[in-house]
Amino acid sequence: MAASMCCARLFLEQDLSKSDLHRILHAGAALYLAKKVQSINDGIELSFELMNNGMAADKLASYVRVSNN
C-alpha cells in the first residue's frame, strides 16, 4: 500500500507520464530486491531521484559503452 501511495504522490506532484511512473516503480522494486534499499517505497524514491538528477542516464550510457567494446 505504501508503494502505491508513493507512486500516486509522484504522479500527481511531479507531473510524470505514465511510462515514467512505470519505469520508476520497476526500478524501485529492483532496488529493493537487490537489497540496496530497506523498502520498495525507499526504492521508488531513490529511483525517482536518480532519474531526475541524471545519474540513471549516466549509468546507462556507461553500460552501453562497456557492452559495445
C-alpha atoms as a PDB file:
ATOM      1  CA  MET A   1       0.000   0.000   0.000  1.00  0.00           C
ATOM      2  CA  ALA A   2       2.806   2.430   0.823  1.00  0.00           C
ATOM      3  CA  ALA A   3       4.416   1.907  -2.582  1.00  0.00           C
ATOM      4  CA  SER A   4       1.177   2.694  -4.407  1.00  0.00           C
ATOM      5  CA  MET A   5       0.705   5.840  -2.310  1.00  0.00           C
ATOM      6  CA  CYS A   6       4.264   6.892  -3.117  1.00  0.00           C
ATOM      7  CA  CYS A   7       3.617   6.368  -6.829  1.00  0.00           C
ATOM      8  CA  ALA A   8       0.348   8.275  -6.697  1.00  0.00           C
ATOM      9  CA  ARG A   9       2.067  11.167  -4.911  1.00  0.00           C
ATOM     10  CA  LEU A  10       4.859  11.269  -7.512  1.00  0.00           C
ATOM     11  CA  PHE A  11       2.368  11.086 -10.379  1.00  0.00           C
ATOM     12  CA  LEU A  12       0.287  13.952  -9.002  1.00  0.00           C
ATOM     13  CA  GLU A  13       3.037  16.197  -7.603  1.00  0.00           C
ATOM     14  CA  GLN A  14       5.725  15.768 -10.239  1.00  0.00           C
ATOM     15  CA  ASP A  15       3.587  15.694 -13.392  1.00  0.00           C
ATOM     16  CA  LEU A  16       5.075  12.388 -14.544  1.00  0.00           C
ATOM     17  CA  SER A  17       3.890  10.478 -17.564  1.00  0.00           C
ATOM     18  CA  LYS A  18       2.514   7.000 -17.040  1.00  0.00           C
ATOM     19  CA  SER A  19       5.579   5.497 -18.700  1.00  0.00           C
ATOM     20  CA  ASP A  20       7.929   7.457 -16.386  1.00  0.00           C
ATOM     21  CA  LEU A  21       5.947   6.276 -13.381  1.00  0.00           C
ATOM     22  CA  HIS A  22       6.105   2.706 -14.675  1.00  0.00           C
ATOM     23  CA  ARG A  23       9.911   2.889 -15.029  1.00  0.00           C
ATOM     24  CA  ILE A  24      10.296   4.405 -11.556  1.00  0.00           C
ATOM     25  CA  LEU A  25       8.092   1.738  -9.968  1.00  0.00           C
ATOM     26  CA  HIS A  26      10.001  -1.102 -11.597  1.00  0.00           C
ATOM     27  CA  ALA A  27      13.389   0.424 -10.806  1.00  0.00           C
ATOM     28  CA  GLY A  28      12.309   0.928  -7.193  1.00  0.00           C
ATOM     29  CA  ALA A  29      11.229  -2.698  -6.892  1.00  0.00           C
ATOM     30  CA  ALA A  30      14.522  -3.833  -8.439  1.00  0.00           C
ATOM     31  CA  LEU A  31      16.497  -1.754  -5.935  1.00  0.00           C
ATOM     32  CA  TYR A  32      14.532  -3.375  -3.119  1.00  0.00           C
ATOM     33  CA  LEU A  33      15.063  -6.894  -4.476  1.00  0.00           C
ATOM     34  CA  ALA A  34      18.788  -6.181  -4.833  1.00  0.00           C
ATOM     35  CA  LYS A  35      18.765  -5.155  -1.158  1.00  0.00           C
ATOM     36  CA  LYS A  36      20.015  -1.642  -1.982  1.00  0.00           C
ATOM     37  CA  VAL A  37      17.149  -0.063  -0.003  1.00  0.00           C
ATOM     38  CA  GLN A  38      15.066  -1.054   3.028  1.00  0.00           C
ATOM     39  CA  SER A  39      11.640  -0.925   1.331  1.00  0.00           C
ATOM     40  CA  ILE A  40      10.038  -0.674  -2.092  1.00  0.00           C
ATOM     41  CA  ASN A  41       8.914   2.820  -1.098  1.00  0.00           C
ATOM     42  CA  ASP A  42      12.554   3.800  -0.484  1.00  0.00           C
ATOM     43  CA  GLY A  43      13.474   2.242  -3.829  1.00  0.00           C
ATOM     44  CA  ILE A  44      10.824   4.264  -5.632  1.00  0.00           C
ATOM     45  CA  GLU A  45      12.041   7.484  -4.041  1.00  0.00           C
ATOM     46  CA  LEU A  46      15.680   6.668  -4.842  1.00  0.00           C
ATOM     47  CA  SER A  47      14.917   5.720  -8.439  1.00  0.00           C
ATOM     48  CA  PHE A  48      12.977   8.974  -8.900  1.00  0.00           C
ATOM     49  CA  GLU A  49      15.911  10.943  -7.503  1.00  0.00           C
ATOM     50  CA  LEU A  50      18.441   9.116  -9.696  1.00  0.00           C
ATOM     51  CA  MET A  51      16.353   9.604 -12.813  1.00  0.00           C
ATOM     52  CA  ASN A  52      15.858  13.302 -12.094  1.00  0.00           C
ATOM     53  CA  ASN A  53      19.493  14.129 -11.390  1.00  0.00           C
ATOM     54  CA  GLY A  54      20.765  12.320 -14.482  1.00  0.00           C
ATOM     55  CA  MET A  55      22.693   9.599 -12.683  1.00  0.00           C
ATOM     56  CA  ALA A  56      20.485   6.847 -14.148  1.00  0.00           C
ATOM     57  CA  ALA A  57      21.127   8.119 -17.687  1.00  0.00           C
ATOM     58  CA  ASP A  58      24.870   8.322 -16.984  1.00  0.00           C
ATOM     59  CA  LYS A  59      24.899   4.729 -15.711  1.00  0.00           C
ATOM     60  CA  LEU A  60      23.012   3.526 -18.781  1.00  0.00           C
ATOM     61  CA  ALA A  61      25.445   5.345 -21.092  1.00  0.00           C
ATOM     62  CA  SER A  62      28.437   3.765 -19.329  1.00  0.00           C
ATOM     63  CA  TYR A  63      26.813   0.327 -19.615  1.00  0.00           C
ATOM     64  CA  VAL A  64      26.261   0.853 -23.343  1.00  0.00           C
ATOM     65  CA  ARG A  65      29.884   1.928 -23.808  1.00  0.00           C
ATOM     66  CA  VAL A  66      31.204  -1.140 -21.981  1.00  0.00           C
ATOM     67  CA  SER A  67      28.866  -3.566 -23.717  1.00  0.00           C
ATOM     68  CA  ASN A  68      29.789  -2.230 -27.165  1.00  0.00           C
ATOM     69  CA  ASN A  69      33.512  -2.924 -26.646  1.00  0.00           C
END
